[in-house]
Amino acid sequence: AIQLADDLRALGVGANDIVMIHASMRRVGPVEGGAASVIEAVRAAVGPGGTLLMVLSAAENEPFDALRSPVDVADMGILAEVFRTYPGVSVNDHPADRFAALGPLASSLLEPTPLHDYHGPGSVLERLTERGGKVLRLGANTDTVTLTHYAEYLADVPNKVRVRRRYVRADTGEVWIESLDDNEGI
């Protein structure tokens, strides 16, 4: 983890940074200590004043519980699931836009999250941008930068594609959420 932290610093990850991580542990390759060591390396690179952020989607069409629903590992990767359960991590309560954060800015990044248009104004992504956050891609596919959804809200494009999706919450049942199309694009 020490070497990886040094490598991250060389890439520009610095003290007190806010870093949104997108990672593929398969592409990163074997790391002593596994996914937890990657989290520890990024924490070491940002120091105690830095904050880590990750997207934690959940399996669709299953009852959603922000704290208990596991990450859809096939879609988001094992690092996201390990991060979800990592000590001290905070998780927001949004079935379509679940994020987790660790660090001094965790709660101010995560809440509030608008029910509809959850990647637009008032979103986690807007707060990440306003605070000068960085995106760290560790072997992740190029189409996995969630921050581009916020750019879609800002783009002056006519007739943006909107969708309405059904989610099931474990506590309150069915909820319909409307947003720009974050699966196929606007």
Protein backbone atom coordinates (compact mmCIF):
# COMPACT_ATOMS: atom_id res chain seq x y z
CA ALA A 1 0.00 0.00 0.00
CA ILE A 2 2.94 2.36 0.64
CA GLN A 3 4.25 2.00 -2.93
CA LEU A 4 0.76 2.47 -4.37
CA ALA A 5 0.25 5.61 -2.25
CA ASP A 6 3.55 6.98 -3.57
CA ASP A 7 2.46 6.16 -7.13
CA LEU A 8 -0.87 7.93 -6.57
CA ARG A 9 0.93 11.02 -5.27
CA ALA A 10 3.13 10.97 -8.37
CA LEU A 11 -0.06 10.97 -10.47
CA GLY A 12 -1.31 14.09 -8.70
CA VAL A 13 -3.41 12.74 -5.84
CA GLY A 14 -2.49 15.00 -2.95
CA ALA A 15 -3.14 15.92 0.63
CA ASN A 16 -6.70 17.05 1.39
CA ASP A 17 -7.99 16.08 -2.07
CA ILE A 18 -11.50 14.83 -2.65
CA VAL A 19 -11.15 11.77 -4.88
CA MET A 20 -13.94 9.86 -6.59
CA ILE A 21 -12.62 6.38 -7.37
CA HIS A 22 -13.56 4.17 -10.31
CA ALA A 23 -11.62 0.92 -10.27
CA SER A 24 -11.37 -2.54 -11.73
CA MET A 25 -9.40 -4.78 -9.40
CA ARG A 26 -9.09 -7.35 -12.21
CA ARG A 27 -7.29 -4.77 -14.35
CA VAL A 28 -5.25 -3.42 -11.43
CA GLY A 29 -4.00 -6.93 -10.79
CA PRO A 30 -2.92 -8.64 -7.61
CA VAL A 31 -2.43 -6.26 -4.70
CA GLU A 32 -1.14 -7.53 -1.39
CA GLY A 33 -4.06 -7.09 1.00
CA GLY A 34 -6.57 -6.87 -1.87
CA ALA A 35 -9.16 -4.14 -2.28
CA ALA A 36 -8.79 -2.90 1.30
CA SER A 37 -5.12 -2.13 0.58
CA VAL A 38 -6.14 -0.01 -2.40
CA ILE A 39 -8.51 1.98 -0.18
CA GLU A 40 -5.76 2.41 2.40
CA ALA A 41 -3.31 3.58 -0.29
CA VAL A 42 -5.70 6.26 -1.56
CA ARG A 43 -6.41 7.33 2.03
CA ALA A 44 -2.67 7.61 2.64
CA ALA A 45 -2.25 9.72 -0.50
CA VAL A 46 -4.98 12.21 0.50
CA GLY A 47 -4.08 12.19 4.18
CA PRO A 48 -6.46 12.77 7.10
CA GLY A 49 -7.90 15.92 5.47
CA GLY A 50 -8.86 14.14 2.24
CA THR A 51 -12.14 12.47 1.36
CA LEU A 52 -12.79 9.40 -0.80
CA LEU A 53 -16.00 8.95 -2.78
CA MET A 54 -17.38 5.96 -4.68
CA VAL A 55 -20.57 5.09 -6.55
CA LEU A 56 -22.34 2.08 -5.02
CA SER A 57 -25.14 1.01 -7.28
CA ALA A 58 -27.36 -1.78 -5.99
CA ALA A 59 -29.02 -4.61 -7.85
CA GLU A 60 -32.14 -3.34 -9.61
CA ASN A 61 -35.57 -4.84 -8.90
CA GLU A 62 -34.54 -5.99 -5.43
CA PRO A 63 -35.65 -4.25 -2.24
CA PHE A 64 -33.12 -1.50 -1.57
CA ASP A 65 -31.66 -0.75 1.84
CA ALA A 66 -28.89 1.87 1.74
CA LEU A 67 -26.79 0.22 4.43
CA ARG A 68 -27.49 -3.47 3.80
CA SER A 69 -27.95 -3.86 0.05
CA PRO A 70 -24.71 -5.15 -1.43
CA VAL A 71 -23.11 -3.48 -4.41
CA ASP A 72 -23.82 -5.03 -7.80
CA VAL A 73 -20.24 -6.32 -7.99
CA ALA A 74 -20.60 -7.47 -11.62
CA ASP A 75 -21.38 -3.86 -12.57
CA MET A 76 -19.40 -1.80 -10.03
CA GLY A 77 -16.57 -4.10 -8.97
CA ILE A 78 -15.37 -5.61 -5.71
CA LEU A 79 -13.62 -2.41 -4.57
CA ALA A 80 -17.00 -0.66 -4.30
CA GLU A 81 -18.39 -3.47 -2.10
CA VAL A 82 -15.30 -3.48 0.12
CA PHE A 83 -15.53 0.32 0.37
CA ARG A 84 -19.24 0.12 1.32
CA THR A 85 -18.36 -1.98 4.37
CA TYR A 86 -15.07 -0.24 5.21
CA PRO A 87 -14.89 1.21 8.75
CA GLY A 88 -16.03 4.82 8.96
CA VAL A 89 -17.65 4.97 5.52
CA SER A 90 -20.91 6.94 5.21
CA VAL A 91 -23.56 5.98 2.65
CA ASN A 92 -26.37 8.10 1.21
CA ASP A 93 -29.88 6.72 0.98
CA HIS A 94 -30.82 6.87 -2.71
CA PRO A 95 -31.83 3.71 -4.60
CA ALA A 96 -30.70 5.04 -8.01
CA ASP A 97 -27.71 7.11 -6.89
CA ARG A 98 -26.12 5.49 -3.85
CA PHE A 99 -22.70 6.90 -3.03
CA ALA A 100 -20.33 6.22 -0.16
CA ALA A 101 -17.70 8.57 1.23
CA LEU A 102 -14.93 8.43 3.78
CA GLY A 103 -13.27 11.48 5.25
CA PRO A 104 -14.07 14.85 6.79
CA LEU A 105 -16.31 15.99 3.90
CA ALA A 106 -18.28 12.74 3.63
CA SER A 107 -21.61 13.94 5.00
CA SER A 108 -21.51 17.29 3.18
CA LEU A 109 -20.83 15.52 -0.12
CA LEU A 110 -23.49 12.86 0.32
CA GLU A 111 -26.50 14.80 1.55
CA PRO A 112 -28.92 15.93 0.47
CA THR A 113 -29.42 14.00 -2.75
CA PRO A 114 -32.47 14.98 -4.83
CA LEU A 115 -34.87 12.12 -5.50
CA HIS A 116 -35.31 13.08 -9.17
CA ASP A 117 -32.51 14.32 -11.45
CA TYR A 118 -30.06 12.94 -8.89
CA HIS A 119 -27.00 13.63 -11.09
CA GLY A 120 -27.95 17.26 -11.74
CA PRO A 121 -28.17 20.42 -9.63
CA GLY A 122 -27.98 19.71 -5.90
CA SER A 123 -26.35 16.32 -6.47
CA VAL A 124 -23.30 14.63 -5.04
CA LEU A 125 -21.63 15.25 -8.40
CA GLU A 126 -22.32 18.98 -8.28
CA ARG A 127 -20.81 19.20 -4.79
CA LEU A 128 -17.78 17.16 -5.91
CA THR A 129 -17.26 19.60 -8.80
CA GLU A 130 -17.80 22.72 -6.69
CA ARG A 131 -15.16 21.52 -4.22
CA GLY A 132 -12.58 20.80 -6.93
CA GLY A 133 -12.78 17.03 -6.57
CA LYS A 134 -10.75 14.68 -8.71
CA VAL A 135 -11.65 11.43 -10.46
CA LEU A 136 -9.21 8.55 -10.06
CA ARG A 137 -9.56 5.73 -12.55
CA LEU A 138 -7.69 2.56 -11.66
CA GLY A 139 -8.11 0.20 -14.59
CA ALA A 140 -11.79 1.10 -15.00
CA ASN A 141 -13.37 1.25 -18.44
CA THR A 142 -13.37 4.69 -20.03
CA ASP A 143 -17.18 4.78 -20.03
CA THR A 144 -17.37 4.52 -16.24
CA VAL A 145 -16.76 8.12 -15.24
CA THR A 146 -19.99 8.93 -13.40
CA LEU A 147 -19.13 12.62 -13.36
CA THR A 148 -20.05 12.82 -17.06
CA HIS A 149 -23.71 12.54 -16.03
CA TYR A 150 -23.44 15.90 -14.29
CA ALA A 151 -21.98 17.35 -17.49
CA GLU A 152 -25.05 16.03 -19.33
CA TYR A 153 -27.24 18.14 -17.06
CA LEU A 154 -25.13 21.23 -17.79
CA ALA A 155 -24.87 20.67 -21.56
CA ASP A 156 -27.06 22.85 -23.74
CA VAL A 157 -28.53 20.01 -25.78
CA PRO A 158 -32.11 20.08 -27.06
CA ASN A 159 -34.49 17.20 -26.37
CA LYS A 160 -32.42 15.39 -23.76
CA VAL A 161 -33.69 11.85 -23.22
CA ARG A 162 -35.46 11.41 -19.89
CA VAL A 163 -36.46 8.18 -18.23
CA ARG A 164 -38.73 7.08 -15.41
CA ARG A 165 -37.60 4.01 -13.47
CA ARG A 166 -39.16 1.91 -10.75
CA TYR A 167 -37.20 1.06 -7.61
CA VAL A 168 -38.29 -0.89 -4.55
CA ARG A 169 -37.17 0.34 -1.16
CA ALA A 170 -37.05 -2.16 1.69
CA ASP A 171 -38.62 0.37 4.06
CA THR A 172 -41.31 2.16 2.04
CA GLY A 173 -41.89 0.04 -1.06
CA GLU A 174 -42.18 1.19 -4.66
CA VAL A 175 -40.81 4.55 -5.79
CA TRP A 176 -40.64 6.00 -9.30
CA ILE A 177 -37.67 8.21 -10.10
CA GLU A 178 -37.26 10.50 -13.11
CA SER A 179 -33.94 11.68 -14.52
CA LEU A 180 -31.92 12.09 -17.66
CA ASP A 181 -31.09 8.71 -19.18
CA ASP A 182 -27.94 7.68 -17.31
CA ASN A 183 -27.86 4.23 -18.92
CA GLU A 184 -27.96 5.05 -22.62
CA GLY A 185 -27.10 8.75 -22.46
CA ILE A 186 -29.00 11.89 -23.26
